[in-house]
N, C-alpha and C. Protein backbone atom coordinates (compact mmCIF):
# COMPACT_ATOMS: atom_id res chain seq x y z
N MET A 1 -3.10 -21.79 -9.26
CA MET A 1 -3.51 -20.39 -9.41
C MET A 1 -2.51 -19.48 -8.70
N THR A 2 -2.43 -18.27 -9.18
CA THR A 2 -1.55 -17.29 -8.55
C THR A 2 -2.27 -16.67 -7.35
N PRO A 3 -1.52 -16.13 -6.40
CA PRO A 3 -2.15 -15.49 -5.23
C PRO A 3 -3.01 -14.29 -5.65
N SER A 4 -4.09 -14.05 -4.92
CA SER A 4 -5.01 -12.96 -5.26
C SER A 4 -4.58 -11.62 -4.68
N ARG A 5 -3.70 -11.62 -3.67
CA ARG A 5 -3.35 -10.37 -2.99
C ARG A 5 -2.87 -9.27 -3.94
N PRO A 6 -1.93 -9.52 -4.87
CA PRO A 6 -1.50 -8.41 -5.72
C PRO A 6 -2.62 -7.86 -6.60
N TYR A 7 -3.51 -8.70 -7.04
CA TYR A 7 -4.63 -8.25 -7.86
C TYR A 7 -5.59 -7.39 -7.04
N LEU A 8 -5.82 -7.80 -5.80
CA LEU A 8 -6.69 -7.03 -4.92
C LEU A 8 -6.06 -5.69 -4.54
N VAL A 9 -4.76 -5.68 -4.30
CA VAL A 9 -4.06 -4.42 -3.98
C VAL A 9 -4.19 -3.45 -5.15
N ARG A 10 -3.95 -3.93 -6.38
CA ARG A 10 -4.08 -3.07 -7.56
C ARG A 10 -5.51 -2.56 -7.72
N ALA A 11 -6.48 -3.43 -7.52
CA ALA A 11 -7.89 -3.04 -7.69
C ALA A 11 -8.32 -2.02 -6.65
N ILE A 12 -7.99 -2.26 -5.39
CA ILE A 12 -8.37 -1.32 -4.33
C ILE A 12 -7.67 0.02 -4.53
N TYR A 13 -6.39 0.00 -4.93
CA TYR A 13 -5.66 1.24 -5.20
C TYR A 13 -6.38 2.04 -6.29
N GLU A 14 -6.72 1.40 -7.38
CA GLU A 14 -7.39 2.09 -8.49
C GLU A 14 -8.75 2.62 -8.04
N TRP A 15 -9.48 1.84 -7.27
CA TRP A 15 -10.79 2.25 -6.78
C TRP A 15 -10.66 3.49 -5.89
N LEU A 16 -9.67 3.50 -5.00
CA LEU A 16 -9.48 4.64 -4.10
C LEU A 16 -9.10 5.89 -4.88
N VAL A 17 -8.18 5.76 -5.83
CA VAL A 17 -7.75 6.91 -6.63
C VAL A 17 -8.91 7.43 -7.48
N ASP A 18 -9.67 6.54 -8.09
CA ASP A 18 -10.82 6.95 -8.90
C ASP A 18 -11.85 7.71 -8.08
N ASN A 19 -11.93 7.44 -6.79
CA ASN A 19 -12.89 8.10 -5.91
C ASN A 19 -12.26 9.25 -5.11
N GLN A 20 -11.15 9.76 -5.58
CA GLN A 20 -10.44 10.89 -4.97
C GLN A 20 -10.12 10.67 -3.49
N ALA A 21 -9.85 9.42 -3.11
CA ALA A 21 -9.43 9.10 -1.74
C ALA A 21 -7.90 8.97 -1.73
N THR A 22 -7.30 9.12 -0.57
CA THR A 22 -5.86 9.00 -0.42
C THR A 22 -5.53 7.57 -0.01
N PRO A 23 -4.90 6.79 -0.90
CA PRO A 23 -4.59 5.40 -0.55
C PRO A 23 -3.41 5.31 0.41
N TYR A 24 -3.63 4.62 1.51
CA TYR A 24 -2.59 4.35 2.49
C TYR A 24 -2.26 2.87 2.42
N LEU A 25 -0.99 2.56 2.59
CA LEU A 25 -0.51 1.19 2.55
C LEU A 25 0.09 0.86 3.90
N LEU A 26 -0.37 -0.21 4.54
CA LEU A 26 0.18 -0.68 5.80
C LEU A 26 1.09 -1.85 5.49
N LEU A 27 2.38 -1.71 5.85
CA LEU A 27 3.37 -2.75 5.57
C LEU A 27 3.97 -3.30 6.84
N ASP A 28 4.35 -4.56 6.80
CA ASP A 28 5.15 -5.18 7.85
C ASP A 28 6.60 -4.81 7.55
N ALA A 29 7.15 -3.88 8.31
CA ALA A 29 8.49 -3.37 8.06
C ALA A 29 9.57 -4.40 8.35
N ASN A 30 9.24 -5.44 9.11
CA ASN A 30 10.23 -6.47 9.46
C ASN A 30 10.24 -7.64 8.49
N ALA A 31 9.41 -7.60 7.46
CA ALA A 31 9.35 -8.69 6.49
C ALA A 31 10.67 -8.79 5.73
N THR A 32 11.06 -10.01 5.42
CA THR A 32 12.28 -10.23 4.65
C THR A 32 12.14 -9.57 3.29
N GLY A 33 13.12 -8.74 2.94
CA GLY A 33 13.11 -8.05 1.65
C GLY A 33 12.47 -6.69 1.67
N ALA A 34 11.91 -6.27 2.80
CA ALA A 34 11.28 -4.95 2.89
C ALA A 34 12.34 -3.87 3.08
N ARG A 35 12.30 -2.85 2.23
CA ARG A 35 13.18 -1.67 2.35
C ARG A 35 12.29 -0.46 2.56
N VAL A 36 12.22 0.00 3.79
CA VAL A 36 11.37 1.13 4.15
C VAL A 36 12.18 2.10 5.01
N PRO A 37 11.76 3.36 5.12
CA PRO A 37 12.46 4.31 5.99
C PRO A 37 12.26 3.92 7.46
N VAL A 38 13.30 3.41 8.09
CA VAL A 38 13.18 2.87 9.44
C VAL A 38 12.79 3.91 10.48
N GLN A 39 13.08 5.18 10.23
CA GLN A 39 12.75 6.22 11.22
C GLN A 39 11.24 6.40 11.38
N TYR A 40 10.44 5.87 10.45
CA TYR A 40 8.99 5.99 10.53
C TYR A 40 8.31 4.68 10.93
N VAL A 41 9.07 3.66 11.23
CA VAL A 41 8.50 2.37 11.62
C VAL A 41 8.01 2.46 13.06
N LYS A 42 6.80 1.97 13.29
CA LYS A 42 6.21 1.98 14.62
C LYS A 42 5.63 0.60 14.89
N ASP A 43 6.09 -0.05 15.93
CA ASP A 43 5.64 -1.40 16.30
C ASP A 43 5.82 -2.40 15.16
N GLY A 44 6.90 -2.24 14.40
CA GLY A 44 7.19 -3.17 13.32
C GLY A 44 6.38 -2.96 12.06
N LYS A 45 5.58 -1.89 12.03
CA LYS A 45 4.74 -1.61 10.87
C LYS A 45 4.96 -0.16 10.43
N ILE A 46 4.63 0.10 9.18
CA ILE A 46 4.74 1.46 8.65
C ILE A 46 3.54 1.73 7.77
N VAL A 47 3.00 2.95 7.87
CA VAL A 47 1.89 3.39 7.04
C VAL A 47 2.45 4.39 6.04
N LEU A 48 2.19 4.14 4.76
CA LEU A 48 2.71 4.99 3.70
C LEU A 48 1.58 5.53 2.83
N ASN A 49 1.67 6.81 2.52
CA ASN A 49 0.75 7.45 1.59
C ASN A 49 1.23 7.11 0.18
N ILE A 50 0.44 6.38 -0.59
CA ILE A 50 0.86 6.01 -1.94
C ILE A 50 -0.01 6.68 -3.00
N ALA A 51 -0.52 7.87 -2.68
CA ALA A 51 -1.30 8.64 -3.66
C ALA A 51 -0.40 8.98 -4.85
N PRO A 52 -0.97 9.12 -6.03
CA PRO A 52 -0.16 9.41 -7.21
C PRO A 52 0.71 10.65 -7.07
N HIS A 53 0.25 11.67 -6.34
CA HIS A 53 1.06 12.88 -6.18
C HIS A 53 2.14 12.72 -5.10
N ALA A 54 2.10 11.64 -4.33
CA ALA A 54 3.05 11.45 -3.24
C ALA A 54 4.19 10.50 -3.60
N VAL A 55 3.98 9.67 -4.62
CA VAL A 55 5.00 8.68 -4.99
C VAL A 55 5.30 8.77 -6.48
N LYS A 56 6.40 8.16 -6.86
CA LYS A 56 6.80 8.11 -8.26
C LYS A 56 7.09 6.66 -8.61
N ASP A 57 6.71 6.27 -9.81
CA ASP A 57 7.00 4.93 -10.33
C ASP A 57 6.48 3.82 -9.42
N LEU A 58 5.20 3.87 -9.08
CA LEU A 58 4.60 2.80 -8.28
C LEU A 58 4.40 1.58 -9.17
N PHE A 59 5.00 0.45 -8.77
CA PHE A 59 4.85 -0.81 -9.48
C PHE A 59 4.33 -1.84 -8.49
N VAL A 60 3.17 -2.41 -8.78
CA VAL A 60 2.61 -3.48 -7.96
C VAL A 60 2.69 -4.75 -8.80
N ARG A 61 3.70 -5.55 -8.52
CA ARG A 61 3.90 -6.81 -9.23
C ARG A 61 3.30 -7.95 -8.42
N ASN A 62 3.25 -9.12 -8.99
CA ASN A 62 2.69 -10.26 -8.28
C ASN A 62 3.55 -10.67 -7.09
N ASP A 63 4.86 -10.41 -7.14
CA ASP A 63 5.75 -10.81 -6.05
C ASP A 63 6.04 -9.68 -5.06
N GLY A 64 5.73 -8.45 -5.39
CA GLY A 64 6.01 -7.34 -4.49
C GLY A 64 5.66 -6.01 -5.10
N LEU A 65 6.03 -4.96 -4.41
CA LEU A 65 5.77 -3.62 -4.92
C LEU A 65 6.97 -2.74 -4.66
N SER A 66 7.05 -1.65 -5.42
CA SER A 66 8.13 -0.69 -5.24
C SER A 66 7.67 0.67 -5.74
N PHE A 67 8.27 1.71 -5.17
CA PHE A 67 8.02 3.08 -5.60
C PHE A 67 9.09 3.98 -5.00
N SER A 68 9.18 5.18 -5.52
CA SER A 68 10.09 6.19 -4.97
C SER A 68 9.25 7.26 -4.29
N ALA A 69 9.74 7.76 -3.18
CA ALA A 69 9.06 8.82 -2.45
C ALA A 69 10.09 9.65 -1.71
N ARG A 70 9.67 10.82 -1.26
CA ARG A 70 10.57 11.69 -0.51
C ARG A 70 10.20 11.61 0.97
N PHE A 71 11.22 11.46 1.80
CA PHE A 71 11.05 11.42 3.25
C PHE A 71 11.98 12.46 3.83
N ASN A 72 11.40 13.49 4.46
CA ASN A 72 12.17 14.63 4.96
C ASN A 72 13.06 15.22 3.88
N GLY A 73 12.54 15.29 2.66
CA GLY A 73 13.26 15.89 1.56
C GLY A 73 14.23 14.97 0.84
N ALA A 74 14.48 13.79 1.35
CA ALA A 74 15.42 12.86 0.72
C ALA A 74 14.64 11.78 -0.03
N SER A 75 15.01 11.56 -1.29
CA SER A 75 14.34 10.55 -2.10
C SER A 75 14.81 9.15 -1.68
N MET A 76 13.87 8.22 -1.67
CA MET A 76 14.18 6.84 -1.29
C MET A 76 13.30 5.90 -2.09
N THR A 77 13.86 4.77 -2.49
CA THR A 77 13.07 3.73 -3.13
C THR A 77 12.58 2.76 -2.06
N VAL A 78 11.28 2.60 -2.00
CA VAL A 78 10.65 1.69 -1.04
C VAL A 78 10.33 0.40 -1.80
N GLU A 79 10.69 -0.72 -1.20
CA GLU A 79 10.41 -2.03 -1.79
C GLU A 79 9.86 -2.94 -0.70
N ALA A 80 8.92 -3.80 -1.09
CA ALA A 80 8.38 -4.76 -0.13
C ALA A 80 7.83 -5.96 -0.88
N PRO A 81 8.02 -7.15 -0.33
CA PRO A 81 7.39 -8.32 -0.93
C PRO A 81 5.88 -8.24 -0.70
N MET A 82 5.11 -8.90 -1.53
CA MET A 82 3.66 -8.84 -1.41
C MET A 82 3.20 -9.39 -0.06
N SER A 83 3.96 -10.30 0.53
CA SER A 83 3.59 -10.84 1.85
C SER A 83 3.67 -9.79 2.95
N ALA A 84 4.40 -8.69 2.72
CA ALA A 84 4.53 -7.63 3.72
C ALA A 84 3.35 -6.67 3.69
N VAL A 85 2.53 -6.72 2.64
CA VAL A 85 1.37 -5.83 2.53
C VAL A 85 0.28 -6.34 3.48
N LEU A 86 -0.02 -5.54 4.49
CA LEU A 86 -1.03 -5.92 5.48
C LEU A 86 -2.38 -5.28 5.21
N ALA A 87 -2.38 -4.11 4.54
CA ALA A 87 -3.65 -3.44 4.25
C ALA A 87 -3.43 -2.34 3.22
N ILE A 88 -4.50 -2.02 2.52
CA ILE A 88 -4.57 -0.83 1.68
C ILE A 88 -5.94 -0.23 1.95
N TYR A 89 -5.95 1.06 2.31
CA TYR A 89 -7.20 1.68 2.72
C TYR A 89 -7.16 3.18 2.48
N ALA A 90 -8.33 3.82 2.54
CA ALA A 90 -8.46 5.26 2.34
C ALA A 90 -8.20 6.01 3.64
N ARG A 91 -7.39 7.04 3.55
CA ARG A 91 -7.12 7.87 4.73
C ARG A 91 -8.39 8.54 5.22
N GLU A 92 -9.24 8.95 4.32
CA GLU A 92 -10.40 9.75 4.68
C GLU A 92 -11.46 8.99 5.46
N ASN A 93 -11.69 7.72 5.12
CA ASN A 93 -12.79 7.00 5.76
C ASN A 93 -12.43 5.58 6.20
N GLY A 94 -11.20 5.14 5.94
CA GLY A 94 -10.77 3.82 6.38
C GLY A 94 -11.25 2.67 5.53
N GLN A 95 -11.97 2.93 4.44
CA GLN A 95 -12.45 1.84 3.60
C GLN A 95 -11.29 1.26 2.80
N GLY A 96 -11.25 -0.05 2.72
CA GLY A 96 -10.20 -0.72 2.00
C GLY A 96 -10.18 -2.19 2.33
N MET A 97 -9.00 -2.78 2.33
CA MET A 97 -8.89 -4.22 2.55
C MET A 97 -7.70 -4.52 3.45
N PHE A 98 -7.93 -5.40 4.42
CA PHE A 98 -6.87 -5.91 5.29
C PHE A 98 -6.57 -7.35 4.90
N PHE A 99 -5.32 -7.73 5.03
CA PHE A 99 -4.91 -9.08 4.70
C PHE A 99 -4.39 -9.76 5.95
N ASP A 100 -4.51 -11.07 6.01
CA ASP A 100 -4.05 -11.84 7.15
C ASP A 100 -2.53 -11.85 7.19
N ALA A 101 -1.95 -11.34 8.26
CA ALA A 101 -0.49 -11.26 8.38
C ALA A 101 0.14 -12.64 8.54
N ASN A 102 -0.62 -13.61 9.01
CA ASN A 102 -0.07 -14.94 9.29
C ASN A 102 -0.23 -15.92 8.14
N GLU A 103 -0.89 -15.49 7.06
CA GLU A 103 -1.08 -16.42 5.95
C GLU A 103 0.24 -16.68 5.24
N GLU A 104 0.38 -17.89 4.75
CA GLU A 104 1.56 -18.23 3.96
C GLU A 104 1.34 -17.66 2.58
N PHE A 105 2.37 -17.00 2.04
CA PHE A 105 2.23 -16.35 0.75
C PHE A 105 3.47 -16.62 -0.07
N GLU A 106 3.48 -17.75 -0.73
CA GLU A 106 4.61 -18.03 -1.60
C GLU A 106 4.19 -19.03 -2.65
N VAL A 107 4.78 -18.86 -3.80
CA VAL A 107 4.56 -19.79 -4.88
C VAL A 107 5.70 -20.78 -4.82
N GLN A 108 5.39 -22.07 -4.72
CA GLN A 108 6.41 -23.10 -4.55
C GLN A 108 6.53 -23.91 -5.83
N GLY A 109 7.61 -23.73 -6.52
CA GLY A 109 7.87 -24.54 -7.71
C GLY A 109 7.00 -24.16 -8.88
N ASP A 110 7.05 -24.99 -9.91
CA ASP A 110 6.31 -24.78 -11.14
C ASP A 110 4.96 -25.49 -11.02
N ALA A 111 3.91 -24.83 -11.44
CA ALA A 111 2.56 -25.39 -11.30
C ALA A 111 2.39 -26.67 -12.12
N GLU A 112 3.19 -26.83 -13.18
CA GLU A 112 3.05 -28.03 -13.99
C GLU A 112 3.70 -29.25 -13.35
N THR A 113 4.71 -29.04 -12.49
CA THR A 113 5.43 -30.16 -11.91
C THR A 113 5.01 -30.44 -10.47
N GLU A 114 4.39 -29.48 -9.80
CA GLU A 114 3.98 -29.66 -8.41
C GLU A 114 2.51 -30.03 -8.34
N PRO A 115 2.11 -30.80 -7.35
CA PRO A 115 0.69 -31.05 -7.16
C PRO A 115 -0.02 -29.73 -6.86
N GLU A 116 -1.26 -29.59 -7.33
CA GLU A 116 -1.98 -28.33 -7.19
C GLU A 116 -2.13 -27.89 -5.73
N SER A 117 -2.28 -28.82 -4.82
CA SER A 117 -2.50 -28.46 -3.42
C SER A 117 -1.27 -27.83 -2.78
N SER A 118 -0.07 -28.04 -3.32
CA SER A 118 1.12 -27.47 -2.70
C SER A 118 1.64 -26.23 -3.40
N VAL A 119 0.96 -25.81 -4.48
CA VAL A 119 1.45 -24.65 -5.22
C VAL A 119 1.26 -23.38 -4.43
N ILE A 120 0.08 -23.14 -3.90
CA ILE A 120 -0.19 -21.90 -3.17
C ILE A 120 -0.99 -22.22 -1.92
N SER A 121 -0.57 -21.61 -0.84
CA SER A 121 -1.33 -21.73 0.39
C SER A 121 -1.66 -20.32 0.84
N GLN A 122 -2.92 -19.90 0.62
CA GLN A 122 -3.30 -18.54 0.92
C GLN A 122 -4.73 -18.49 1.43
N ALA A 123 -4.94 -17.80 2.53
CA ALA A 123 -6.28 -17.61 3.05
C ALA A 123 -6.95 -16.46 2.31
N ALA A 124 -8.26 -16.43 2.32
CA ALA A 124 -8.99 -15.37 1.64
C ALA A 124 -8.85 -14.06 2.40
N PRO A 125 -8.57 -12.94 1.69
CA PRO A 125 -8.48 -11.64 2.34
C PRO A 125 -9.86 -11.16 2.79
N VAL A 126 -9.87 -10.19 3.67
CA VAL A 126 -11.11 -9.69 4.23
C VAL A 126 -11.26 -8.21 3.88
N LEU A 127 -12.41 -7.83 3.33
CA LEU A 127 -12.72 -6.44 3.04
C LEU A 127 -13.25 -5.82 4.32
N ALA A 128 -12.62 -4.73 4.75
CA ALA A 128 -13.02 -4.11 6.00
C ALA A 128 -12.66 -2.64 5.99
N SER A 129 -13.14 -1.94 6.99
CA SER A 129 -12.78 -0.54 7.20
C SER A 129 -11.82 -0.46 8.36
N VAL A 130 -10.98 0.57 8.34
CA VAL A 130 -10.09 0.81 9.46
C VAL A 130 -10.92 1.35 10.60
N PRO A 131 -10.74 0.86 11.82
CA PRO A 131 -11.47 1.43 12.94
C PRO A 131 -11.21 2.93 13.02
N ALA A 132 -12.21 3.68 13.41
CA ALA A 132 -12.15 5.14 13.37
C ALA A 132 -10.87 5.71 13.96
N GLY A 133 -10.40 5.22 15.08
CA GLY A 133 -9.20 5.76 15.71
C GLY A 133 -7.94 5.52 14.91
N ARG A 134 -7.85 4.37 14.22
CA ARG A 134 -6.62 4.02 13.50
C ARG A 134 -6.41 4.88 12.27
N ALA A 135 -7.48 5.30 11.60
CA ALA A 135 -7.32 6.10 10.39
C ALA A 135 -6.71 7.46 10.73
N GLU A 136 -7.10 8.05 11.85
CA GLU A 136 -6.57 9.36 12.22
C GLU A 136 -5.16 9.28 12.79
N GLU A 137 -4.83 8.19 13.48
CA GLU A 137 -3.52 8.10 14.11
C GLU A 137 -2.42 7.68 13.15
N SER A 138 -2.79 7.22 11.95
CA SER A 138 -1.79 6.81 10.97
C SER A 138 -1.01 8.02 10.49
N ALA A 139 0.29 7.87 10.42
CA ALA A 139 1.14 8.96 9.97
C ALA A 139 1.10 9.06 8.46
N ASP A 140 1.05 10.28 7.95
CA ASP A 140 1.13 10.52 6.51
C ASP A 140 2.60 10.65 6.17
N VAL A 141 3.25 9.53 5.90
CA VAL A 141 4.70 9.52 5.75
C VAL A 141 5.14 9.95 4.37
N ALA A 142 4.76 9.20 3.36
CA ALA A 142 5.22 9.54 2.01
C ALA A 142 4.49 10.77 1.54
N GLY A 143 5.17 11.63 0.85
CA GLY A 143 4.54 12.81 0.30
C GLY A 143 4.64 13.98 1.24
N ASP A 144 5.81 14.62 1.26
CA ASP A 144 5.97 15.81 2.08
C ASP A 144 5.01 16.88 1.58
N GLY A 145 4.43 17.59 2.46
CA GLY A 145 3.58 18.71 2.06
C GLY A 145 2.12 18.43 2.34
N ASP A 146 1.33 19.38 1.92
CA ASP A 146 -0.09 19.37 2.19
C ASP A 146 -0.81 18.52 1.15
N ASP A 147 -1.50 17.47 1.58
CA ASP A 147 -2.24 16.67 0.62
C ASP A 147 -3.72 16.61 0.99
N ARG A 148 -4.23 17.70 1.60
CA ARG A 148 -5.66 17.78 1.89
C ARG A 148 -6.43 17.76 0.58
N PRO A 149 -7.65 17.26 0.60
CA PRO A 149 -8.44 17.26 -0.64
C PRO A 149 -8.59 18.68 -1.15
N ARG A 150 -8.41 18.84 -2.44
CA ARG A 150 -8.49 20.16 -3.05
C ARG A 150 -9.94 20.46 -3.45
N PRO A 151 -10.33 21.74 -3.35
CA PRO A 151 -11.69 22.09 -3.81
C PRO A 151 -11.85 21.72 -5.27
N GLY A 152 -12.96 21.16 -5.62
CA GLY A 152 -13.21 20.77 -7.00
C GLY A 152 -12.67 19.39 -7.32
N GLY A 153 -11.78 18.84 -6.49
CA GLY A 153 -11.26 17.51 -6.68
C GLY A 153 -10.37 17.33 -7.88
N GLY A 154 -10.04 18.38 -8.59
CA GLY A 154 -9.23 18.25 -9.79
C GLY A 154 -7.75 18.40 -9.49
N ARG A 155 -7.00 18.56 -10.56
CA ARG A 155 -5.56 18.74 -10.42
C ARG A 155 -5.27 20.12 -9.87
N PRO A 156 -4.14 20.29 -9.18
CA PRO A 156 -3.79 21.61 -8.68
C PRO A 156 -3.49 22.55 -9.86
N SER A 157 -3.74 23.81 -9.66
CA SER A 157 -3.47 24.79 -10.72
C SER A 157 -2.95 26.07 -10.08
N LEU A 158 -2.27 26.85 -10.87
CA LEU A 158 -1.73 28.12 -10.41
C LEU A 158 -2.72 29.23 -10.75
N ARG A 159 -2.75 30.24 -9.88
CA ARG A 159 -3.66 31.37 -10.08
C ARG A 159 -2.87 32.63 -9.82
N VAL A 160 -2.98 33.61 -10.70
CA VAL A 160 -2.27 34.86 -10.54
C VAL A 160 -3.10 35.74 -9.60
N VAL A 161 -2.44 36.22 -8.54
CA VAL A 161 -3.09 37.10 -7.57
C VAL A 161 -2.37 38.42 -7.60
N LYS A 162 -3.09 39.52 -7.84
CA LYS A 162 -2.45 40.84 -7.91
C LYS A 162 -2.81 41.66 -6.70
């Protein structure tokens, strides 16, 4: 079987967006293959706002994820292997999912030629909320500008004021 983490990340992301929550992604910035803005890394981890209005071309593949975002006005492509994803949660209330940072996450060989027990070694992820203090202290990195919830919850619109 394939690892469940990418499927869970996609599902939680869609659930958060459907409920007008701001999805935050916690990544291990020191993971092999991770390309993140190092100036925002804190204690080897980075929190990124991956709301649809904050990023462009978000791709969550089974082996990793990538997207483009602006950091201090400069566009950058962020890439990370799926093993670097430590959590996806809502900024507003901390609801989401945390993953075990120590779990082995790799597909070894072809499933037809390898014994089933050696194909994937992955612990079950845990659905949890971010402790109250952590949700507020997380930096809103991706997405320059104001991303407070808008009245009505709809798309932004222009209004003529005379």
